[in-house]
Each structure stands twice: as structure tokens, then as C-alpha cells.
Amino acid sequence: MIEPSFFSLFAVDYKRLLPEHLFTHLKMHTFEAVDYVSRLYESSSDFSEAFNAAKSASTQLFYHSHCQQRSLGLAEPTLRLLRDIGFNVLTSTVECCGMAGSFGYKLGYYEISASLGQQLAKQIEIASESGMETVVLASGTSCTEQIHDFTHTKPIHPLVWLESILH
């Protein structure tokens, strides 16, 4: 699953909607996408060599994980993989980008959403002042849109970025 909220649906929420044997089967065969790639990286020397050859010492990564990904403990495999490959990875300390699906579009929540988006944008701005090329990664669609709205930078999903460095 690429979108963390979809992973949550298949691995957590369907427990209340499906018979137990179907839910268990589904959960056992559902993987967060970068976690799956991380497992391949750890188990295959060919896979590891391809990524190691692609790293760049002049690039740092700023990674914001989706709030559902964080709450399910699924941000760590992405961080571990990016660091194992050899990249300096900075992470946001903002727990949520402020968008959370349609949350940020609702009139009563706009100020909260904007405040979180501005905090995240400030962290990205500070990271970009290091003098190194900074690639902004975000694992959720709503996170990507919120970051783009407040920074005019289009973040890349970690999986898409990993694929791009192999070429």
C-alpha cells in the first residue's frame, strides 16, 4: 500500500468489517510499500548494491511521515532504509501536516490546519538552509498537498524517490 490511510484500512479497520479469518489473511498479506522495499534491501545483496551505488553525499533528505503511518509505527522502516542507504535524513517534529484527508478543508479546522502546515514549512525552510541540496519526501497524499501549499515545493513519495535514484 502506498497511501498510509489505505494500509490502516486493510491492516486495522477491516477487523470490524470482515470475518476474523478473512481479516487475518488480508492483514498478513498487506505491507506498507517502503517497509516492503526495506525488507528486500535487507535480504538481497544485489538490491543493496544498487541503492548504495545511487547515493549522493551532497543530498540530504527531509522526511515527513503521514500521521496514520506514525500512529501505526510504520515511519521507522522508511527512515531506517534511507539512512542505511547512506543519506542524511532530517525528520519533521510536527505530528501531522494539518490536512489529514479533508480535515484541513473544513471551515472550523482551517486555522489549526494552517498553523500545522506553517510549522512544517518552517522546518523544511530551516533544513534547506544547510547549503546541501534538500529533497523533501512525504508519504501521504494530503501531506504532499499541504507541504506544496505552504512551501511551493512538491514533495516526493519516498517510494517514487527511491525508484528515481536507481536511474
N, C-alpha and C. Protein backbone atom coordinates (compact mmCIF):
# COMPACT_ATOMS: atom_id res chain seq x y z
N MET A 1 0.84 -1.18 0.00
CA MET A 1 0.00 0.00 0.00
C MET A 1 0.88 1.24 0.00
N ILE A 2 0.61 2.16 -0.86
CA ILE A 2 1.40 3.39 -0.90
C ILE A 2 0.81 4.43 0.04
N GLU A 3 -0.47 4.60 0.08
CA GLU A 3 -1.10 5.60 0.95
C GLU A 3 -1.28 5.00 2.35
N PRO A 4 -0.69 5.61 3.38
CA PRO A 4 -0.79 5.05 4.73
C PRO A 4 -2.21 4.84 5.23
N SER A 5 -3.14 5.69 4.83
CA SER A 5 -4.51 5.50 5.30
C SER A 5 -5.13 4.24 4.69
N PHE A 6 -4.70 3.85 3.48
CA PHE A 6 -5.18 2.59 2.91
C PHE A 6 -4.62 1.41 3.68
N PHE A 7 -3.34 1.50 4.03
CA PHE A 7 -2.75 0.43 4.84
C PHE A 7 -3.54 0.26 6.13
N SER A 8 -3.84 1.37 6.78
CA SER A 8 -4.61 1.33 8.02
C SER A 8 -5.96 0.64 7.81
N LEU A 9 -6.59 0.94 6.70
CA LEU A 9 -7.88 0.33 6.39
C LEU A 9 -7.75 -1.19 6.30
N PHE A 10 -6.77 -1.67 5.55
CA PHE A 10 -6.60 -3.11 5.33
C PHE A 10 -6.05 -3.83 6.55
N ALA A 11 -5.13 -3.20 7.29
CA ALA A 11 -4.45 -3.89 8.39
C ALA A 11 -5.06 -3.66 9.76
N VAL A 12 -5.96 -2.67 9.87
CA VAL A 12 -6.53 -2.36 11.19
C VAL A 12 -8.06 -2.28 11.13
N ASP A 13 -8.57 -1.39 10.31
CA ASP A 13 -10.00 -1.09 10.32
C ASP A 13 -10.90 -2.22 9.85
N TYR A 14 -10.44 -3.02 8.90
CA TYR A 14 -11.26 -4.11 8.40
C TYR A 14 -11.54 -5.18 9.44
N LYS A 15 -10.84 -5.12 10.56
CA LYS A 15 -11.08 -6.09 11.63
C LYS A 15 -12.55 -6.03 12.09
N ARG A 16 -13.11 -4.84 12.05
CA ARG A 16 -14.50 -4.65 12.46
C ARG A 16 -15.50 -4.95 11.34
N LEU A 17 -15.01 -5.14 10.13
CA LEU A 17 -15.91 -5.29 8.99
C LEU A 17 -15.90 -6.68 8.36
N LEU A 18 -14.85 -7.45 8.59
CA LEU A 18 -14.71 -8.75 7.94
C LEU A 18 -14.72 -9.88 8.96
N PRO A 19 -15.08 -11.08 8.53
CA PRO A 19 -14.91 -12.23 9.41
C PRO A 19 -13.42 -12.36 9.79
N GLU A 20 -13.15 -12.86 10.97
CA GLU A 20 -11.78 -12.87 11.50
C GLU A 20 -10.79 -13.57 10.58
N HIS A 21 -11.17 -14.71 9.99
CA HIS A 21 -10.22 -15.43 9.13
C HIS A 21 -9.87 -14.62 7.87
N LEU A 22 -10.83 -13.90 7.32
CA LEU A 22 -10.54 -13.06 6.15
C LEU A 22 -9.66 -11.87 6.53
N PHE A 23 -9.99 -11.24 7.66
CA PHE A 23 -9.18 -10.12 8.11
C PHE A 23 -7.74 -10.56 8.38
N THR A 24 -7.56 -11.67 9.06
CA THR A 24 -6.21 -12.17 9.37
C THR A 24 -5.43 -12.43 8.10
N HIS A 25 -6.05 -13.05 7.12
CA HIS A 25 -5.39 -13.31 5.84
C HIS A 25 -5.00 -11.99 5.16
N LEU A 26 -5.92 -11.05 5.11
CA LEU A 26 -5.66 -9.76 4.49
C LEU A 26 -4.52 -9.03 5.20
N LYS A 27 -4.56 -9.00 6.52
CA LYS A 27 -3.52 -8.31 7.29
C LYS A 27 -2.14 -8.94 7.06
N MET A 28 -2.08 -10.25 6.99
CA MET A 28 -0.80 -10.93 6.79
C MET A 28 -0.21 -10.66 5.40
N HIS A 29 -1.04 -10.25 4.47
CA HIS A 29 -0.59 -10.02 3.10
C HIS A 29 -0.64 -8.54 2.70
N THR A 30 -0.68 -7.68 3.70
CA THR A 30 -0.69 -6.24 3.45
C THR A 30 0.60 -5.65 4.00
N PHE A 31 1.30 -4.91 3.17
CA PHE A 31 2.57 -4.31 3.58
C PHE A 31 2.56 -2.82 3.24
N GLU A 32 3.15 -2.05 4.10
CA GLU A 32 3.41 -0.65 3.77
C GLU A 32 4.52 -0.69 2.72
N ALA A 33 4.41 0.07 1.66
CA ALA A 33 5.26 -0.07 0.49
C ALA A 33 6.75 0.07 0.79
N VAL A 34 7.16 1.09 1.51
CA VAL A 34 8.59 1.29 1.75
C VAL A 34 9.10 0.24 2.74
N ASP A 35 8.26 -0.21 3.66
CA ASP A 35 8.65 -1.29 4.56
C ASP A 35 8.96 -2.55 3.74
N TYR A 36 8.17 -2.80 2.72
CA TYR A 36 8.41 -3.95 1.85
C TYR A 36 9.76 -3.81 1.13
N VAL A 37 10.04 -2.63 0.60
CA VAL A 37 11.31 -2.38 -0.07
C VAL A 37 12.46 -2.51 0.93
N SER A 38 12.25 -2.02 2.14
CA SER A 38 13.26 -2.14 3.19
C SER A 38 13.61 -3.60 3.47
N ARG A 39 12.60 -4.44 3.49
CA ARG A 39 12.83 -5.88 3.71
C ARG A 39 13.63 -6.48 2.56
N LEU A 40 13.34 -6.08 1.35
CA LEU A 40 14.10 -6.54 0.19
C LEU A 40 15.55 -6.07 0.28
N TYR A 41 15.73 -4.82 0.66
CA TYR A 41 17.08 -4.24 0.80
C TYR A 41 17.90 -5.05 1.81
N GLU A 42 17.28 -5.39 2.93
CA GLU A 42 17.99 -6.11 3.98
C GLU A 42 18.29 -7.55 3.59
N SER A 43 17.51 -8.14 2.71
CA SER A 43 17.67 -9.56 2.40
C SER A 43 18.39 -9.84 1.08
N SER A 44 18.67 -8.82 0.28
CA SER A 44 19.28 -9.06 -1.03
C SER A 44 20.50 -8.18 -1.23
N SER A 45 21.65 -8.81 -1.41
CA SER A 45 22.87 -8.02 -1.61
C SER A 45 22.81 -7.27 -2.95
N ASP A 46 22.20 -7.86 -3.99
CA ASP A 46 22.07 -7.16 -5.27
C ASP A 46 21.25 -5.90 -5.12
N PHE A 47 20.16 -6.00 -4.39
CA PHE A 47 19.29 -4.87 -4.14
C PHE A 47 20.04 -3.80 -3.34
N SER A 48 20.78 -4.21 -2.34
CA SER A 48 21.56 -3.28 -1.51
C SER A 48 22.60 -2.57 -2.34
N GLU A 49 23.31 -3.30 -3.19
CA GLU A 49 24.35 -2.70 -4.01
C GLU A 49 23.79 -1.66 -4.97
N ALA A 50 22.62 -1.91 -5.52
CA ALA A 50 22.01 -0.95 -6.45
C ALA A 50 21.73 0.37 -5.74
N PHE A 51 21.17 0.31 -4.54
CA PHE A 51 20.90 1.54 -3.81
C PHE A 51 22.18 2.21 -3.34
N ASN A 52 23.14 1.44 -2.87
CA ASN A 52 24.38 2.03 -2.39
C ASN A 52 25.12 2.77 -3.49
N ALA A 53 25.03 2.26 -4.71
CA ALA A 53 25.68 2.92 -5.85
C ALA A 53 24.97 4.22 -6.22
N ALA A 54 23.73 4.37 -5.82
CA ALA A 54 22.92 5.53 -6.22
C ALA A 54 23.01 6.69 -5.24
N LYS A 55 23.59 6.50 -4.07
CA LYS A 55 23.56 7.56 -3.06
C LYS A 55 24.44 8.73 -3.44
N SER A 56 24.13 9.86 -2.87
CA SER A 56 24.86 11.09 -3.13
C SER A 56 25.15 11.79 -1.80
N ALA A 57 26.41 12.05 -1.54
CA ALA A 57 26.80 12.70 -0.29
C ALA A 57 26.37 14.16 -0.24
N SER A 58 26.02 14.74 -1.39
CA SER A 58 25.66 16.16 -1.41
C SER A 58 24.16 16.39 -1.28
N THR A 59 23.41 15.33 -1.04
CA THR A 59 21.96 15.46 -0.92
C THR A 59 21.53 15.05 0.48
N GLN A 60 20.69 15.88 1.08
CA GLN A 60 20.06 15.48 2.34
C GLN A 60 18.56 15.34 2.09
N LEU A 61 17.93 14.55 2.91
CA LEU A 61 16.50 14.31 2.77
C LEU A 61 15.76 14.90 3.95
N PHE A 62 14.62 15.51 3.68
CA PHE A 62 13.71 15.94 4.74
C PHE A 62 12.48 15.08 4.58
N TYR A 63 12.16 14.31 5.62
CA TYR A 63 11.07 13.35 5.52
C TYR A 63 9.97 13.68 6.51
N HIS A 64 8.74 13.79 5.97
CA HIS A 64 7.56 13.94 6.81
C HIS A 64 6.68 12.72 6.58
N SER A 65 6.48 11.95 7.63
CA SER A 65 5.63 10.77 7.51
C SER A 65 4.19 11.13 7.83
N HIS A 66 3.30 10.45 7.18
CA HIS A 66 1.86 10.62 7.35
C HIS A 66 1.49 10.29 8.80
N CYS A 67 0.53 11.00 9.37
CA CYS A 67 0.16 10.80 10.78
C CYS A 67 -0.33 9.38 11.05
N GLN A 68 -1.07 8.77 10.12
CA GLN A 68 -1.50 7.39 10.34
C GLN A 68 -0.32 6.43 10.27
N GLN A 69 0.64 6.75 9.44
CA GLN A 69 1.84 5.93 9.35
C GLN A 69 2.59 5.98 10.68
N ARG A 70 2.68 7.15 11.25
CA ARG A 70 3.33 7.30 12.56
C ARG A 70 2.58 6.55 13.64
N SER A 71 1.26 6.69 13.66
CA SER A 71 0.47 6.07 14.73
C SER A 71 0.52 4.54 14.66
N LEU A 72 0.79 3.99 13.48
CA LEU A 72 0.90 2.54 13.32
C LEU A 72 2.34 2.05 13.45
N GLY A 73 3.27 2.98 13.74
CA GLY A 73 4.67 2.61 13.89
C GLY A 73 5.35 2.24 12.59
N LEU A 74 4.89 2.79 11.48
CA LEU A 74 5.41 2.42 10.17
C LEU A 74 6.34 3.46 9.54
N ALA A 75 6.66 4.51 10.26
CA ALA A 75 7.59 5.50 9.72
C ALA A 75 9.04 5.03 9.85
N GLU A 76 9.31 4.26 10.88
CA GLU A 76 10.69 3.83 11.16
C GLU A 76 11.33 3.03 10.03
N PRO A 77 10.63 2.08 9.40
CA PRO A 77 11.29 1.35 8.29
C PRO A 77 11.75 2.27 7.15
N THR A 78 10.99 3.30 6.87
CA THR A 78 11.39 4.25 5.83
C THR A 78 12.65 4.99 6.26
N LEU A 79 12.66 5.49 7.48
CA LEU A 79 13.84 6.19 7.99
C LEU A 79 15.07 5.28 7.99
N ARG A 80 14.88 4.06 8.46
CA ARG A 80 15.99 3.11 8.53
C ARG A 80 16.56 2.84 7.14
N LEU A 81 15.68 2.60 6.16
CA LEU A 81 16.15 2.33 4.81
C LEU A 81 16.91 3.52 4.24
N LEU A 82 16.36 4.71 4.37
CA LEU A 82 17.02 5.90 3.82
C LEU A 82 18.38 6.12 4.48
N ARG A 83 18.47 5.88 5.77
CA ARG A 83 19.75 6.04 6.48
C ARG A 83 20.71 4.91 6.15
N ASP A 84 20.20 3.69 6.03
CA ASP A 84 21.06 2.55 5.67
C ASP A 84 21.68 2.74 4.30
N ILE A 85 20.94 3.34 3.39
CA ILE A 85 21.48 3.62 2.06
C ILE A 85 22.62 4.64 2.16
N GLY A 86 22.55 5.48 3.18
CA GLY A 86 23.65 6.42 3.40
C GLY A 86 23.26 7.89 3.35
N PHE A 87 21.98 8.18 3.37
CA PHE A 87 21.54 9.57 3.31
C PHE A 87 21.39 10.18 4.70
N ASN A 88 21.70 11.45 4.79
CA ASN A 88 21.38 12.23 5.98
C ASN A 88 19.89 12.54 5.89
N VAL A 89 19.13 12.10 6.89
CA VAL A 89 17.68 12.28 6.86
C VAL A 89 17.25 13.13 8.05
N LEU A 90 16.64 14.25 7.74
CA LEU A 90 16.03 15.09 8.76
C LEU A 90 14.54 14.76 8.76
N THR A 91 13.94 14.77 9.94
CA THR A 91 12.51 14.46 10.01
C THR A 91 11.75 15.61 10.65
N SER A 92 10.51 15.70 10.29
CA SER A 92 9.66 16.73 10.89
C SER A 92 9.31 16.32 12.31
N THR A 93 9.13 17.32 13.14
CA THR A 93 8.67 17.06 14.50
C THR A 93 7.18 17.38 14.63
N VAL A 94 6.59 17.84 13.54
CA VAL A 94 5.16 18.10 13.51
C VAL A 94 4.48 16.75 13.31
N GLU A 95 3.62 16.37 14.24
CA GLU A 95 2.99 15.05 14.20
C GLU A 95 2.08 14.86 13.00
N CYS A 96 1.46 15.93 12.54
CA CYS A 96 0.54 15.86 11.42
C CYS A 96 0.73 17.11 10.58
N CYS A 97 0.60 16.97 9.28
CA CYS A 97 0.77 18.12 8.39
C CYS A 97 -0.37 19.13 8.57
N GLY A 98 -1.48 18.67 9.16
CA GLY A 98 -2.62 19.55 9.36
C GLY A 98 -3.74 19.33 8.37
N MET A 99 -3.48 18.53 7.35
CA MET A 99 -4.51 18.30 6.34
C MET A 99 -5.35 17.08 6.70
N ALA A 100 -4.70 15.96 6.99
CA ALA A 100 -5.38 14.73 7.40
C ALA A 100 -6.63 14.44 6.56
N GLY A 101 -6.43 14.18 5.31
CA GLY A 101 -7.56 13.95 4.41
C GLY A 101 -8.28 15.25 4.13
N SER A 102 -9.53 15.34 4.54
CA SER A 102 -10.32 16.55 4.29
C SER A 102 -10.35 17.49 5.49
N PHE A 103 -9.70 17.13 6.59
CA PHE A 103 -9.72 17.93 7.81
C PHE A 103 -9.38 19.40 7.53
N GLY A 104 -8.31 19.63 6.82
CA GLY A 104 -7.85 20.99 6.56
C GLY A 104 -8.77 21.82 5.68
N TYR A 105 -9.69 21.17 4.99
CA TYR A 105 -10.63 21.89 4.13
C TYR A 105 -11.87 22.37 4.89
N LYS A 106 -12.07 21.85 6.08
CA LYS A 106 -13.27 22.19 6.84
C LYS A 106 -13.10 23.55 7.50
N LEU A 107 -14.08 24.40 7.33
CA LEU A 107 -14.03 25.77 7.82
C LEU A 107 -13.64 25.85 9.29
N GLY A 108 -14.20 25.03 10.12
CA GLY A 108 -13.93 25.08 11.56
C GLY A 108 -12.53 24.65 11.95
N TYR A 109 -11.80 24.01 11.03
CA TYR A 109 -10.46 23.50 11.35
C TYR A 109 -9.36 24.17 10.55
N TYR A 110 -9.72 25.11 9.71
CA TYR A 110 -8.72 25.70 8.82
C TYR A 110 -7.55 26.32 9.59
N GLU A 111 -7.83 27.06 10.65
CA GLU A 111 -6.74 27.71 11.39
C GLU A 111 -5.78 26.71 12.00
N ILE A 112 -6.29 25.61 12.52
CA ILE A 112 -5.42 24.56 13.07
C ILE A 112 -4.59 23.96 11.95
N SER A 113 -5.25 23.66 10.84
CA SER A 113 -4.57 23.08 9.69
C SER A 113 -3.46 24.00 9.19
N ALA A 114 -3.77 25.27 9.04
CA ALA A 114 -2.78 26.23 8.55
C ALA A 114 -1.62 26.38 9.53
N SER A 115 -1.90 26.38 10.82
CA SER A 115 -0.85 26.50 11.82
C SER A 115 0.13 25.33 11.72
N LEU A 116 -0.41 24.13 11.60
CA LEU A 116 0.46 22.95 11.46
C LEU A 116 1.24 22.99 10.15
N GLY A 117 0.56 23.37 9.07
CA GLY A 117 1.23 23.49 7.78
C GLY A 117 2.37 24.50 7.82
N GLN A 118 2.15 25.62 8.50
CA GLN A 118 3.20 26.64 8.62
C GLN A 118 4.37 26.15 9.45
N GLN A 119 4.09 25.41 10.53
CA GLN A 119 5.18 24.85 11.34
C GLN A 119 6.03 23.88 10.52
N LEU A 120 5.37 23.05 9.74
CA LEU A 120 6.07 22.10 8.89
C LEU A 120 6.89 22.83 7.83
N ALA A 121 6.30 23.85 7.23
CA ALA A 121 7.02 24.64 6.21
C ALA A 121 8.26 25.30 6.80
N LYS A 122 8.16 25.78 8.03
CA LYS A 122 9.31 26.41 8.69
C LYS A 122 10.43 25.39 8.89
N GLN A 123 10.08 24.18 9.29
CA GLN A 123 11.10 23.14 9.46
C GLN A 123 11.78 22.81 8.14
N ILE A 124 11.02 22.76 7.07
CA ILE A 124 11.60 22.49 5.75
C ILE A 124 12.51 23.64 5.33
N GLU A 125 12.08 24.86 5.60
CA GLU A 125 12.90 26.04 5.27
C GLU A 125 14.23 25.99 6.02
N ILE A 126 14.19 25.68 7.30
CA ILE A 126 15.42 25.60 8.10
C ILE A 126 16.33 24.50 7.57
N ALA A 127 15.76 23.34 7.24
CA ALA A 127 16.55 22.24 6.69
C ALA A 127 17.21 22.63 5.37
N SER A 128 16.52 23.42 4.58
CA SER A 128 17.04 23.82 3.27
C SER A 128 18.15 24.85 3.36
N GLU A 129 18.32 25.46 4.52
CA GLU A 129 19.36 26.47 4.71
C GLU A 129 20.73 25.86 4.98
N SER A 130 20.84 24.54 4.95
CA SER A 130 22.10 23.86 5.27
C SER A 130 23.15 24.03 4.18
N GLY A 131 22.74 24.43 3.01
CA GLY A 131 23.67 24.55 1.90
C GLY A 131 23.71 23.31 1.03
N MET A 132 23.14 22.22 1.53
CA MET A 132 23.06 20.98 0.74
C MET A 132 21.76 20.97 -0.05
N GLU A 133 21.77 20.23 -1.14
CA GLU A 133 20.51 20.01 -1.84
C GLU A 133 19.59 19.25 -0.88
N THR A 134 18.37 19.73 -0.72
CA THR A 134 17.42 19.09 0.18
C THR A 134 16.24 18.57 -0.63
N VAL A 135 16.03 17.28 -0.56
CA VAL A 135 14.89 16.65 -1.22
C VAL A 135 13.83 16.42 -0.15
N VAL A 136 12.63 16.92 -0.40
CA VAL A 136 11.53 16.79 0.55
C VAL A 136 10.70 15.57 0.18
N LEU A 137 10.57 14.66 1.15
CA LEU A 137 9.80 13.44 0.97
C LEU A 137 8.59 13.46 1.90
N ALA A 138 7.47 13.01 1.41
CA ALA A 138 6.26 12.91 2.24
C ALA A 138 5.52 11.65 1.82
N SER A 139 5.02 10.92 2.80
CA SER A 139 4.42 9.62 2.50
C SER A 139 2.91 9.65 2.29
N GLY A 140 2.26 10.77 2.52
CA GLY A 140 0.82 10.83 2.34
C GLY A 140 0.42 11.85 1.28
N THR A 141 -0.66 11.56 0.58
CA THR A 141 -1.17 12.47 -0.44
C THR A 141 -1.55 13.82 0.17
N SER A 142 -2.25 13.80 1.29
CA SER A 142 -2.65 15.06 1.92
C SER A 142 -1.43 15.82 2.43
N CYS A 143 -0.43 15.09 2.91
CA CYS A 143 0.82 15.74 3.37
C CYS A 143 1.51 16.44 2.19
N THR A 144 1.55 15.75 1.08
CA THR A 144 2.18 16.31 -0.12
C THR A 144 1.50 17.61 -0.53
N GLU A 145 0.18 17.62 -0.52
CA GLU A 145 -0.56 18.82 -0.91
C GLU A 145 -0.36 19.95 0.10
N GLN A 146 -0.38 19.63 1.37
CA GLN A 146 -0.21 20.66 2.41
C GLN A 146 1.19 21.28 2.33
N ILE A 147 2.20 20.44 2.19
CA ILE A 147 3.57 20.96 2.08
C ILE A 147 3.70 21.82 0.83
N HIS A 148 3.14 21.37 -0.28
CA HIS A 148 3.20 22.15 -1.51
C HIS A 148 2.53 23.51 -1.33
N ASP A 149 1.38 23.52 -0.68
CA ASP A 149 0.66 24.78 -0.48
C ASP A 149 1.45 25.79 0.35
N PHE A 150 2.22 25.30 1.33
CA PHE A 150 2.93 26.22 2.22
C PHE A 150 4.38 26.46 1.84
N THR A 151 4.95 25.64 0.96
CA THR A 151 6.36 25.83 0.60
C THR A 151 6.59 26.03 -0.90
N HIS A 152 5.58 25.74 -1.72
CA HIS A 152 5.69 25.77 -3.18
C HIS A 152 6.72 24.75 -3.67
N THR A 153 7.02 23.77 -2.83
CA THR A 153 7.88 22.64 -3.19
C THR A 153 6.97 21.43 -3.31
N LYS A 154 7.15 20.65 -4.32
CA LYS A 154 6.33 19.45 -4.49
C LYS A 154 7.10 18.27 -3.89
N PRO A 155 6.70 17.82 -2.70
CA PRO A 155 7.37 16.67 -2.10
C PRO A 155 7.18 15.41 -2.95
N ILE A 156 8.06 14.47 -2.75
CA ILE A 156 8.05 13.21 -3.49
C ILE A 156 7.76 12.09 -2.49
N HIS A 157 6.94 11.14 -2.90
CA HIS A 157 6.73 9.97 -2.05
C HIS A 157 8.07 9.22 -1.96
N PRO A 158 8.44 8.71 -0.77
CA PRO A 158 9.72 8.01 -0.63
C PRO A 158 9.92 6.89 -1.65
N LEU A 159 8.87 6.16 -1.97
CA LEU A 159 8.98 5.07 -2.93
C LEU A 159 9.31 5.59 -4.33
N VAL A 160 8.68 6.67 -4.71
CA VAL A 160 8.94 7.28 -6.03
C VAL A 160 10.37 7.81 -6.06
N TRP A 161 10.82 8.43 -4.97
CA TRP A 161 12.19 8.94 -4.92
C TRP A 161 13.21 7.81 -4.98
N LEU A 162 12.96 6.73 -4.23
CA LEU A 162 13.89 5.59 -4.27
C LEU A 162 14.01 5.05 -5.69
N GLU A 163 12.89 4.96 -6.39
CA GLU A 163 12.93 4.49 -7.77
C GLU A 163 13.73 5.45 -8.65
N SER A 164 13.60 6.74 -8.40
CA SER A 164 14.27 7.74 -9.23
C SER A 164 15.80 7.71 -9.06
N ILE A 165 16.29 7.36 -7.89
CA ILE A 165 17.74 7.38 -7.70
C ILE A 165 18.43 6.16 -8.32
N LEU A 166 17.63 5.19 -8.72
CA LEU A 166 18.21 4.00 -9.34
C LEU A 166 18.48 4.21 -10.82
N HIS A 167 18.02 5.32 -11.38
CA HIS A 167 18.19 5.56 -12.83
C HIS A 167 19.24 6.60 -13.09
